[in-house]
Amino acid sequence: MRQFGSLQTVPEDTAWTRFEHTWGEDQTSVDCQSDIQQVLSAWRTAVTELPYFPEHPTQDERDFQATEEYILRFYRRSSLVHEDSTDSPQLEDSTLYGAPSTSSIAVQAELTSLRSERDRLRWEVAEKDEQLIDQRQLQRELAQARAELQRRDQELARANATLERSKKRTHGGPHPS
């Protein structure tokens, strides 16, 4: 057990590492309690941010890339084009007569659709992350405001007690020793 002034921390349950706070009867304990509550509320705030690094694709992006490669590899009309396993295979843009093939146009349309869906989903994720960060900031500010309100309430209670003691003294009441 460690003791700092009038504050004592007693391990309540070592598996959960929660602590019970015992307060002394001095004027500084109210401020200490408020400070400790602010620290504990800050510790309870869990911030989980998933940073985005373009050079390290997410699982969804890897899945999209695999789908794109699958479409390009298995829906081609000609097997004459050399397939490079390191890069995405290129579409054959035209038939033997110079006109774009129907399957090539369909594949291009599907890829365009998938890319626009991916971009829309990325935008939604970024927007949700922003909202989540804003919400966490508001929660922190609310916790700070609650701690400040509690501190002010305690100060008011202390001032009221002091006022009552002084009224008793002026009216000839018993002196507290």
N, C-alpha and C. Protein backbone atom coordinates (compact mmCIF):
# COMPACT_ATOMS: atom_id res chain seq x y z
N MET A 1 0.85 -1.16 0.00
CA MET A 1 0.00 0.00 0.00
C MET A 1 0.90 1.22 0.00
N ARG A 2 0.54 2.21 -0.84
CA ARG A 2 1.29 3.46 -0.90
C ARG A 2 0.40 4.56 -0.37
N GLN A 3 1.02 5.53 0.28
CA GLN A 3 0.24 6.63 0.83
C GLN A 3 0.86 7.94 0.39
N PHE A 4 0.04 8.82 -0.20
CA PHE A 4 0.46 10.15 -0.60
C PHE A 4 -0.42 11.14 0.17
N GLY A 5 0.14 11.78 1.17
CA GLY A 5 -0.66 12.72 1.97
C GLY A 5 -1.81 11.98 2.60
N SER A 6 -3.03 12.40 2.29
CA SER A 6 -4.20 11.75 2.86
C SER A 6 -4.79 10.70 1.92
N LEU A 7 -4.22 10.54 0.73
CA LEU A 7 -4.74 9.59 -0.26
C LEU A 7 -4.09 8.24 -0.07
N GLN A 8 -4.90 7.22 0.03
CA GLN A 8 -4.40 5.86 0.13
C GLN A 8 -5.00 5.05 -1.00
N THR A 9 -4.18 4.28 -1.68
CA THR A 9 -4.71 3.40 -2.70
C THR A 9 -4.59 1.98 -2.18
N VAL A 10 -5.69 1.27 -2.23
CA VAL A 10 -5.72 -0.10 -1.74
C VAL A 10 -6.18 -0.97 -2.89
N PRO A 11 -5.35 -1.94 -3.33
CA PRO A 11 -5.78 -2.81 -4.43
C PRO A 11 -7.05 -3.56 -4.04
N GLU A 12 -8.09 -3.42 -4.86
CA GLU A 12 -9.36 -4.08 -4.56
C GLU A 12 -9.35 -5.48 -5.15
N ASP A 13 -8.89 -5.60 -6.37
CA ASP A 13 -8.85 -6.88 -7.04
C ASP A 13 -7.68 -6.84 -8.01
N THR A 14 -6.64 -7.60 -7.73
CA THR A 14 -5.43 -7.49 -8.54
C THR A 14 -5.65 -7.97 -9.96
N ALA A 15 -6.62 -8.86 -10.18
CA ALA A 15 -6.89 -9.32 -11.54
C ALA A 15 -7.46 -8.20 -12.40
N TRP A 16 -8.23 -7.30 -11.80
CA TRP A 16 -8.85 -6.21 -12.55
C TRP A 16 -8.11 -4.90 -12.36
N THR A 17 -7.17 -4.85 -11.46
CA THR A 17 -6.38 -3.66 -11.12
C THR A 17 -7.26 -2.43 -10.90
N ARG A 18 -8.33 -2.63 -10.14
CA ARG A 18 -9.16 -1.49 -9.74
C ARG A 18 -8.68 -1.05 -8.36
N PHE A 19 -8.94 0.18 -8.04
CA PHE A 19 -8.47 0.69 -6.76
C PHE A 19 -9.60 1.38 -6.02
N GLU A 20 -9.56 1.25 -4.72
CA GLU A 20 -10.52 1.92 -3.86
C GLU A 20 -9.79 3.10 -3.25
N HIS A 21 -10.41 4.23 -3.25
CA HIS A 21 -9.77 5.43 -2.73
C HIS A 21 -10.36 5.77 -1.36
N THR A 22 -9.50 5.96 -0.39
CA THR A 22 -9.91 6.36 0.95
C THR A 22 -9.40 7.76 1.18
N TRP A 23 -10.28 8.65 1.60
CA TRP A 23 -9.93 10.06 1.71
C TRP A 23 -9.85 10.48 3.17
N GLY A 24 -8.90 11.35 3.47
CA GLY A 24 -8.76 11.92 4.81
C GLY A 24 -9.71 13.09 4.98
N GLU A 25 -9.72 13.68 6.13
CA GLU A 25 -10.64 14.78 6.44
C GLU A 25 -9.95 16.13 6.36
N ASP A 26 -9.21 16.41 5.32
CA ASP A 26 -8.59 17.73 5.21
C ASP A 26 -9.12 18.45 3.98
N GLN A 27 -8.79 19.72 3.86
CA GLN A 27 -9.35 20.56 2.81
C GLN A 27 -8.82 20.20 1.42
N THR A 28 -7.62 19.63 1.31
CA THR A 28 -7.03 19.36 0.00
C THR A 28 -7.58 18.07 -0.61
N SER A 29 -8.24 17.24 0.16
CA SER A 29 -8.71 15.96 -0.39
C SER A 29 -9.74 16.15 -1.49
N VAL A 30 -10.54 17.20 -1.42
CA VAL A 30 -11.55 17.45 -2.45
C VAL A 30 -10.88 17.71 -3.79
N ASP A 31 -9.84 18.54 -3.77
CA ASP A 31 -9.11 18.83 -5.00
C ASP A 31 -8.41 17.58 -5.53
N CYS A 32 -7.83 16.80 -4.63
CA CYS A 32 -7.15 15.56 -5.05
C CYS A 32 -8.15 14.61 -5.69
N GLN A 33 -9.33 14.49 -5.07
CA GLN A 33 -10.34 13.58 -5.61
C GLN A 33 -10.75 14.01 -7.01
N SER A 34 -10.94 15.29 -7.20
CA SER A 34 -11.32 15.81 -8.52
C SER A 34 -10.22 15.52 -9.54
N ASP A 35 -8.97 15.77 -9.15
CA ASP A 35 -7.85 15.51 -10.06
C ASP A 35 -7.76 14.03 -10.40
N ILE A 36 -7.93 13.19 -9.40
CA ILE A 36 -7.83 11.74 -9.64
C ILE A 36 -8.97 11.27 -10.52
N GLN A 37 -10.17 11.81 -10.32
CA GLN A 37 -11.29 11.42 -11.18
C GLN A 37 -11.05 11.84 -12.62
N GLN A 38 -10.44 12.99 -12.82
CA GLN A 38 -10.12 13.42 -14.18
C GLN A 38 -9.10 12.48 -14.81
N VAL A 39 -8.09 12.09 -14.04
CA VAL A 39 -7.07 11.18 -14.57
C VAL A 39 -7.70 9.82 -14.87
N LEU A 40 -8.52 9.31 -13.96
CA LEU A 40 -9.16 8.01 -14.19
C LEU A 40 -10.08 8.06 -15.41
N SER A 41 -10.81 9.14 -15.58
CA SER A 41 -11.68 9.23 -16.77
C SER A 41 -10.84 9.31 -18.04
N ALA A 42 -9.68 9.97 -17.97
CA ALA A 42 -8.79 10.01 -19.14
C ALA A 42 -8.24 8.62 -19.44
N TRP A 43 -7.91 7.85 -18.39
CA TRP A 43 -7.40 6.49 -18.59
C TRP A 43 -8.46 5.59 -19.20
N ARG A 44 -9.71 5.81 -18.84
CA ARG A 44 -10.79 4.97 -19.37
C ARG A 44 -11.09 5.30 -20.83
N THR A 45 -10.64 6.45 -21.30
CA THR A 45 -10.89 6.85 -22.68
C THR A 45 -9.96 6.04 -23.58
N ALA A 46 -10.55 5.21 -24.41
CA ALA A 46 -9.76 4.39 -25.32
C ALA A 46 -9.89 4.97 -26.72
N VAL A 47 -8.77 5.34 -27.29
CA VAL A 47 -8.78 5.90 -28.64
C VAL A 47 -8.23 4.84 -29.58
N THR A 48 -9.06 4.43 -30.50
CA THR A 48 -8.60 3.47 -31.50
C THR A 48 -8.71 4.13 -32.85
N GLU A 49 -7.58 4.39 -33.43
CA GLU A 49 -7.53 4.96 -34.76
C GLU A 49 -6.81 3.97 -35.65
N LEU A 50 -7.34 3.78 -36.80
CA LEU A 50 -6.70 2.90 -37.76
C LEU A 50 -6.11 3.78 -38.86
N PRO A 51 -4.82 4.08 -38.76
CA PRO A 51 -4.21 4.95 -39.77
C PRO A 51 -4.20 4.26 -41.13
N TYR A 52 -4.24 5.05 -42.16
CA TYR A 52 -4.25 4.52 -43.51
C TYR A 52 -2.92 4.82 -44.18
N PHE A 53 -2.26 3.76 -44.64
CA PHE A 53 -1.01 3.90 -45.35
C PHE A 53 -1.21 3.32 -46.75
N PRO A 54 -1.18 4.18 -47.78
CA PRO A 54 -1.43 3.68 -49.13
C PRO A 54 -0.45 2.60 -49.57
N GLU A 55 0.78 2.65 -49.06
CA GLU A 55 1.75 1.64 -49.47
C GLU A 55 1.50 0.28 -48.82
N HIS A 56 0.64 0.23 -47.81
CA HIS A 56 0.25 -1.02 -47.16
C HIS A 56 -1.26 -1.18 -47.29
N PRO A 57 -1.72 -1.85 -48.33
CA PRO A 57 -3.17 -1.92 -48.58
C PRO A 57 -3.91 -2.67 -47.48
N THR A 58 -5.16 -2.29 -47.29
CA THR A 58 -6.01 -2.97 -46.31
C THR A 58 -6.47 -4.30 -46.88
N GLN A 59 -7.11 -5.11 -46.05
CA GLN A 59 -7.61 -6.40 -46.51
C GLN A 59 -8.65 -6.20 -47.62
N ASP A 60 -9.50 -5.19 -47.48
CA ASP A 60 -10.50 -4.92 -48.52
C ASP A 60 -9.83 -4.56 -49.85
N GLU A 61 -8.76 -3.78 -49.77
CA GLU A 61 -8.07 -3.42 -51.01
C GLU A 61 -7.38 -4.63 -51.63
N ARG A 62 -6.82 -5.50 -50.80
CA ARG A 62 -6.21 -6.72 -51.34
C ARG A 62 -7.28 -7.60 -51.99
N ASP A 63 -8.46 -7.68 -51.35
CA ASP A 63 -9.57 -8.45 -51.93
C ASP A 63 -10.00 -7.86 -53.26
N PHE A 64 -10.10 -6.53 -53.30
CA PHE A 64 -10.49 -5.86 -54.54
C PHE A 64 -9.46 -6.14 -55.64
N GLN A 65 -8.18 -6.06 -55.29
CA GLN A 65 -7.12 -6.31 -56.27
C GLN A 65 -7.20 -7.75 -56.78
N ALA A 66 -7.46 -8.69 -55.87
CA ALA A 66 -7.58 -10.09 -56.29
C ALA A 66 -8.79 -10.27 -57.22
N THR A 67 -9.90 -9.61 -56.90
CA THR A 67 -11.09 -9.68 -57.76
C THR A 67 -10.80 -9.09 -59.13
N GLU A 68 -10.11 -7.96 -59.13
CA GLU A 68 -9.77 -7.31 -60.39
C GLU A 68 -8.89 -8.24 -61.24
N GLU A 69 -7.90 -8.85 -60.61
CA GLU A 69 -7.02 -9.75 -61.35
C GLU A 69 -7.78 -10.97 -61.85
N TYR A 70 -8.70 -11.47 -61.04
CA TYR A 70 -9.51 -12.62 -61.45
C TYR A 70 -10.33 -12.27 -62.68
N ILE A 71 -10.98 -11.11 -62.64
CA ILE A 71 -11.81 -10.69 -63.78
C ILE A 71 -10.95 -10.54 -65.03
N LEU A 72 -9.80 -9.91 -64.88
CA LEU A 72 -8.94 -9.70 -66.04
C LEU A 72 -8.39 -11.02 -66.59
N ARG A 73 -8.05 -11.93 -65.70
CA ARG A 73 -7.42 -13.18 -66.13
C ARG A 73 -8.42 -14.13 -66.78
N PHE A 74 -9.61 -14.29 -66.20
CA PHE A 74 -10.51 -15.34 -66.65
C PHE A 74 -11.62 -14.89 -67.60
N TYR A 75 -11.76 -13.60 -67.80
CA TYR A 75 -12.78 -13.14 -68.71
C TYR A 75 -12.20 -12.55 -69.98
N ARG A 76 -10.96 -12.80 -70.21
CA ARG A 76 -10.34 -12.35 -71.46
C ARG A 76 -10.75 -13.25 -72.61
N ARG A 77 -10.84 -12.64 -73.75
CA ARG A 77 -11.20 -13.45 -74.93
C ARG A 77 -9.98 -14.12 -75.53
N SER A 78 -8.83 -13.52 -75.40
CA SER A 78 -7.66 -14.08 -76.05
C SER A 78 -6.67 -14.56 -75.01
N SER A 79 -6.08 -15.69 -75.24
CA SER A 79 -5.06 -16.19 -74.33
C SER A 79 -3.66 -15.93 -74.89
N LEU A 80 -3.60 -15.09 -75.94
CA LEU A 80 -2.31 -14.81 -76.56
C LEU A 80 -1.50 -13.79 -75.78
N VAL A 81 -2.15 -12.99 -74.93
CA VAL A 81 -1.45 -11.96 -74.18
C VAL A 81 -0.70 -12.62 -73.04
N HIS A 82 0.55 -12.25 -72.88
CA HIS A 82 1.38 -12.81 -71.81
C HIS A 82 0.90 -12.31 -70.45
N GLU A 83 0.68 -13.22 -69.49
CA GLU A 83 0.23 -12.83 -68.16
C GLU A 83 1.43 -12.68 -67.24
N ASP A 84 1.56 -11.52 -66.67
CA ASP A 84 2.63 -11.26 -65.72
C ASP A 84 2.05 -11.43 -64.32
N SER A 85 2.61 -12.33 -63.52
CA SER A 85 2.01 -12.63 -62.22
C SER A 85 2.28 -11.53 -61.19
N THR A 86 3.24 -10.64 -61.45
CA THR A 86 3.53 -9.60 -60.46
C THR A 86 2.61 -8.40 -60.59
N ASP A 87 2.16 -8.06 -61.78
CA ASP A 87 1.28 -6.92 -61.99
C ASP A 87 -0.09 -7.41 -62.42
N SER A 88 -1.07 -6.53 -62.37
CA SER A 88 -2.39 -6.87 -62.89
C SER A 88 -2.28 -7.03 -64.40
N PRO A 89 -2.84 -8.08 -64.96
CA PRO A 89 -2.81 -8.24 -66.40
C PRO A 89 -3.59 -7.12 -67.08
N GLN A 90 -3.14 -6.74 -68.24
CA GLN A 90 -3.79 -5.67 -68.99
C GLN A 90 -4.89 -6.27 -69.85
N LEU A 91 -5.96 -5.51 -70.01
CA LEU A 91 -7.06 -5.96 -70.85
C LEU A 91 -6.68 -5.87 -72.32
N GLU A 92 -7.23 -6.78 -73.06
CA GLU A 92 -7.08 -6.72 -74.51
C GLU A 92 -8.15 -5.75 -74.99
N ASP A 93 -7.75 -4.61 -75.54
CA ASP A 93 -8.69 -3.55 -75.83
C ASP A 93 -9.43 -3.72 -77.16
N SER A 94 -8.98 -4.60 -78.00
CA SER A 94 -9.67 -4.71 -79.28
C SER A 94 -9.58 -6.14 -79.80
N THR A 95 -10.46 -6.45 -80.70
CA THR A 95 -10.45 -7.76 -81.34
C THR A 95 -9.49 -7.70 -82.52
N LEU A 96 -9.50 -8.76 -83.33
CA LEU A 96 -8.62 -8.81 -84.49
C LEU A 96 -8.94 -7.71 -85.51
N TYR A 97 -10.16 -7.19 -85.50
CA TYR A 97 -10.57 -6.20 -86.49
C TYR A 97 -10.42 -4.77 -86.00
N GLY A 98 -9.87 -4.57 -84.79
CA GLY A 98 -9.63 -3.22 -84.29
C GLY A 98 -10.77 -2.65 -83.47
N ALA A 99 -11.90 -3.31 -83.38
CA ALA A 99 -13.03 -2.81 -82.59
C ALA A 99 -12.96 -3.41 -81.19
N PRO A 100 -13.38 -2.66 -80.17
CA PRO A 100 -13.36 -3.21 -78.81
C PRO A 100 -14.30 -4.40 -78.69
N SER A 101 -13.84 -5.43 -77.98
CA SER A 101 -14.67 -6.62 -77.81
C SER A 101 -15.75 -6.36 -76.77
N THR A 102 -16.83 -7.11 -76.87
CA THR A 102 -17.95 -6.96 -75.95
C THR A 102 -17.54 -7.33 -74.53
N SER A 103 -16.78 -8.40 -74.40
CA SER A 103 -16.36 -8.81 -73.05
C SER A 103 -15.40 -7.79 -72.45
N SER A 104 -14.56 -7.19 -73.30
CA SER A 104 -13.64 -6.17 -72.82
C SER A 104 -14.40 -4.96 -72.29
N ILE A 105 -15.44 -4.56 -72.97
CA ILE A 105 -16.25 -3.43 -72.53
C ILE A 105 -16.97 -3.77 -71.24
N ALA A 106 -17.49 -4.99 -71.15
CA ALA A 106 -18.20 -5.42 -69.93
C ALA A 106 -17.26 -5.46 -68.73
N VAL A 107 -16.06 -5.98 -68.96
CA VAL A 107 -15.08 -6.05 -67.87
C VAL A 107 -14.68 -4.65 -67.43
N GLN A 108 -14.44 -3.76 -68.41
CA GLN A 108 -14.09 -2.38 -68.07
C GLN A 108 -15.20 -1.72 -67.27
N ALA A 109 -16.45 -1.95 -67.67
CA ALA A 109 -17.59 -1.36 -66.95
C ALA A 109 -17.66 -1.91 -65.53
N GLU A 110 -17.45 -3.22 -65.38
CA GLU A 110 -17.47 -3.83 -64.05
C GLU A 110 -16.35 -3.28 -63.18
N LEU A 111 -15.15 -3.15 -63.75
CA LEU A 111 -14.03 -2.59 -62.99
C LEU A 111 -14.29 -1.15 -62.58
N THR A 112 -14.84 -0.37 -63.48
CA THR A 112 -15.18 1.02 -63.16
C THR A 112 -16.20 1.07 -62.03
N SER A 113 -17.19 0.20 -62.11
CA SER A 113 -18.21 0.14 -61.07
C SER A 113 -17.59 -0.25 -59.72
N LEU A 114 -16.73 -1.24 -59.73
CA LEU A 114 -16.07 -1.68 -58.48
C LEU A 114 -15.18 -0.58 -57.91
N ARG A 115 -14.46 0.12 -58.78
CA ARG A 115 -13.60 1.21 -58.31
C ARG A 115 -14.42 2.34 -57.69
N SER A 116 -15.52 2.69 -58.33
CA SER A 116 -16.35 3.77 -57.77
C SER A 116 -16.96 3.35 -56.44
N GLU A 117 -17.36 2.09 -56.33
CA GLU A 117 -17.89 1.58 -55.06
C GLU A 117 -16.81 1.60 -53.98
N ARG A 118 -15.60 1.20 -54.35
CA ARG A 118 -14.48 1.23 -53.40
C ARG A 118 -14.21 2.66 -52.93
N ASP A 119 -14.19 3.61 -53.85
CA ASP A 119 -13.95 5.01 -53.49
C ASP A 119 -15.05 5.55 -52.59
N ARG A 120 -16.30 5.20 -52.89
CA ARG A 120 -17.42 5.64 -52.06
C ARG A 120 -17.30 5.07 -50.65
N LEU A 121 -16.95 3.79 -50.56
CA LEU A 121 -16.80 3.16 -49.24
C LEU A 121 -15.63 3.76 -48.46
N ARG A 122 -14.54 4.06 -49.15
CA ARG A 122 -13.42 4.73 -48.48
C ARG A 122 -13.84 6.08 -47.92
N TRP A 123 -14.62 6.83 -48.70
CA TRP A 123 -15.09 8.13 -48.26
C TRP A 123 -15.99 7.98 -47.03
N GLU A 124 -16.89 6.97 -47.06
CA GLU A 124 -17.78 6.73 -45.91
C GLU A 124 -16.98 6.37 -44.67
N VAL A 125 -15.95 5.53 -44.83
CA VAL A 125 -15.12 5.14 -43.69
C VAL A 125 -14.41 6.36 -43.12
N ALA A 126 -13.86 7.19 -43.98
CA ALA A 126 -13.18 8.39 -43.51
C ALA A 126 -14.15 9.31 -42.77
N GLU A 127 -15.36 9.44 -43.29
CA GLU A 127 -16.37 10.28 -42.64
C GLU A 127 -16.76 9.71 -41.27
N LYS A 128 -16.94 8.39 -41.19
CA LYS A 128 -17.29 7.76 -39.91
C LYS A 128 -16.15 7.91 -38.91
N ASP A 129 -14.91 7.77 -39.37
CA ASP A 129 -13.76 7.96 -38.48
C ASP A 129 -13.75 9.38 -37.92
N GLU A 130 -14.03 10.35 -38.77
CA GLU A 130 -14.08 11.74 -38.33
C GLU A 130 -15.17 11.94 -37.28
N GLN A 131 -16.34 11.35 -37.52
CA GLN A 131 -17.44 11.46 -36.56
C GLN A 131 -17.06 10.80 -35.23
N LEU A 132 -16.38 9.66 -35.31
CA LEU A 132 -15.98 8.95 -34.10
C LEU A 132 -14.97 9.76 -33.30
N ILE A 133 -14.04 10.38 -33.99
CA ILE A 133 -13.04 11.22 -33.31
C ILE A 133 -13.73 12.41 -32.66
N ASP A 134 -14.69 13.03 -33.37
CA ASP A 134 -15.45 14.15 -32.80
C ASP A 134 -16.23 13.70 -31.57
N GLN A 135 -16.84 12.52 -31.65
CA GLN A 135 -17.61 12.00 -30.52
C GLN A 135 -16.71 11.76 -29.32
N ARG A 136 -15.55 11.20 -29.54
CA ARG A 136 -14.62 10.96 -28.42
C ARG A 136 -14.16 12.27 -27.80
N GLN A 137 -13.92 13.27 -28.63
CA GLN A 137 -13.53 14.58 -28.11
C GLN A 137 -14.65 15.15 -27.25
N LEU A 138 -15.89 15.03 -27.73
CA LEU A 138 -17.03 15.52 -26.94
C LEU A 138 -17.17 14.75 -25.63
N GLN A 139 -16.91 13.44 -25.66
CA GLN A 139 -16.97 12.65 -24.42
C GLN A 139 -15.91 13.11 -23.43
N ARG A 140 -14.70 13.41 -23.93
CA ARG A 140 -13.65 13.91 -23.04
C ARG A 140 -14.05 15.25 -22.44
N GLU A 141 -14.58 16.14 -23.28
CA GLU A 141 -14.99 17.45 -22.79
C GLU A 141 -16.13 17.32 -21.77
N LEU A 142 -17.05 16.39 -22.01
CA LEU A 142 -18.15 16.16 -21.07
C LEU A 142 -17.61 15.65 -19.74
N ALA A 143 -16.65 14.72 -19.78
CA ALA A 143 -16.06 14.21 -18.55
C ALA A 143 -15.35 15.32 -17.79
N GLN A 144 -14.66 16.19 -18.50
CA GLN A 144 -13.98 17.31 -17.85
C GLN A 144 -15.00 18.28 -17.24
N ALA A 145 -16.08 18.53 -17.95
CA ALA A 145 -17.12 19.43 -17.43
C ALA A 145 -17.77 18.83 -16.19
N ARG A 146 -18.01 17.52 -16.21
CA ARG A 146 -18.60 16.86 -15.04
C ARG A 146 -17.65 16.93 -13.85
N ALA A 147 -16.37 16.72 -14.09
CA ALA A 147 -15.40 16.80 -13.00
C ALA A 147 -15.34 18.22 -12.44
N GLU A 148 -15.38 19.21 -13.31
CA GLU A 148 -15.37 20.60 -12.87
C GLU A 148 -16.63 20.92 -12.08
N LEU A 149 -17.78 20.44 -12.53
CA LEU A 149 -19.04 20.65 -11.81
C LEU A 149 -18.98 20.00 -10.43
N GLN A 150 -18.44 18.81 -10.37
CA GLN A 150 -18.32 18.13 -9.08
C GLN A 150 -17.39 18.91 -8.15
N ARG A 151 -16.30 19.40 -8.70
CA ARG A 151 -15.36 20.18 -7.90
C ARG A 151 -16.04 21.44 -7.36
N ARG A 152 -16.80 22.10 -8.21
CA ARG A 152 -17.51 23.31 -7.77
C ARG A 152 -18.57 22.98 -6.72
N ASP A 153 -19.27 21.86 -6.90
CA ASP A 153 -20.26 21.45 -5.90
C ASP A 153 -19.59 21.21 -4.55
N GLN A 154 -18.43 20.58 -4.58
CA GLN A 154 -17.71 20.31 -3.34
C GLN A 154 -17.23 21.61 -2.70
N GLU A 155 -16.78 22.54 -3.52
CA GLU A 155 -16.37 23.85 -2.99
C GLU A 155 -17.55 24.56 -2.36
N LEU A 156 -18.71 24.49 -3.00
CA LEU A 156 -19.92 25.11 -2.47
C LEU A 156 -20.32 24.46 -1.15
N ALA A 157 -20.26 23.14 -1.06
CA ALA A 157 -20.59 22.45 0.18
C ALA A 157 -19.62 22.85 1.29
N ARG A 158 -18.34 22.97 0.95
CA ARG A 158 -17.34 23.38 1.93
C ARG A 158 -17.62 24.81 2.40
N ALA A 159 -17.96 25.70 1.46
CA ALA A 159 -18.26 27.09 1.82
C ALA A 159 -19.52 27.16 2.69
N ASN A 160 -20.53 26.36 2.37
CA ASN A 160 -21.75 26.33 3.18
C ASN A 160 -21.45 25.84 4.60
N ALA A 161 -20.61 24.82 4.72
CA ALA A 161 -20.25 24.31 6.05
C ALA A 161 -19.50 25.38 6.83
N THR A 162 -18.61 26.09 6.18
CA THR A 162 -17.86 27.17 6.85
C THR A 162 -18.82 28.28 7.28
N LEU A 163 -19.77 28.62 6.42
CA LEU A 163 -20.76 29.64 6.75
C LEU A 163 -21.60 29.22 7.95
N GLU A 164 -22.03 27.98 7.98
CA GLU A 164 -22.82 27.47 9.11
C GLU A 164 -22.01 27.54 10.41
N ARG A 165 -20.74 27.17 10.35
CA ARG A 165 -19.89 27.23 11.56
C ARG A 165 -19.74 28.66 12.04
N SER A 166 -19.56 29.58 11.09
CA SER A 166 -19.39 30.98 11.51
C SER A 166 -20.70 31.54 12.07
N LYS A 167 -21.86 31.13 11.53
CA LYS A 167 -23.15 31.57 12.08
C LYS A 167 -23.32 31.06 13.50
N LYS A 168 -22.93 29.80 13.74
CA LYS A 168 -23.06 29.23 15.08
C LYS A 168 -22.18 29.99 16.06
N ARG A 169 -20.97 30.35 15.62
CA ARG A 169 -20.06 31.09 16.50
C ARG A 169 -20.62 32.47 16.83
N THR A 170 -21.18 33.14 15.83
CA THR A 170 -21.70 34.49 16.07
C THR A 170 -22.97 34.47 16.91
N HIS A 171 -23.74 33.42 16.86
CA HIS A 171 -24.97 33.33 17.65
C HIS A 171 -24.74 32.66 18.99
N GLY A 172 -23.50 32.44 19.35
CA GLY A 172 -23.18 31.89 20.66
C GLY A 172 -23.35 30.39 20.74
N GLY A 173 -23.32 29.71 19.63
CA GLY A 173 -23.44 28.25 19.63
C GLY A 173 -22.17 27.62 20.13
N PRO A 174 -22.19 26.33 20.31
CA PRO A 174 -20.99 25.63 20.80
C PRO A 174 -19.86 25.73 19.78
N HIS A 175 -18.64 25.87 20.30
CA HIS A 175 -17.45 25.94 19.46
C HIS A 175 -17.00 24.54 19.10
N PRO A 176 -16.84 24.23 17.82
CA PRO A 176 -16.28 22.91 17.47
C PRO A 176 -14.78 22.92 17.77
N SER A 177 -14.30 21.87 18.36
CA SER A 177 -12.89 21.82 18.70
C SER A 177 -12.16 20.85 17.83
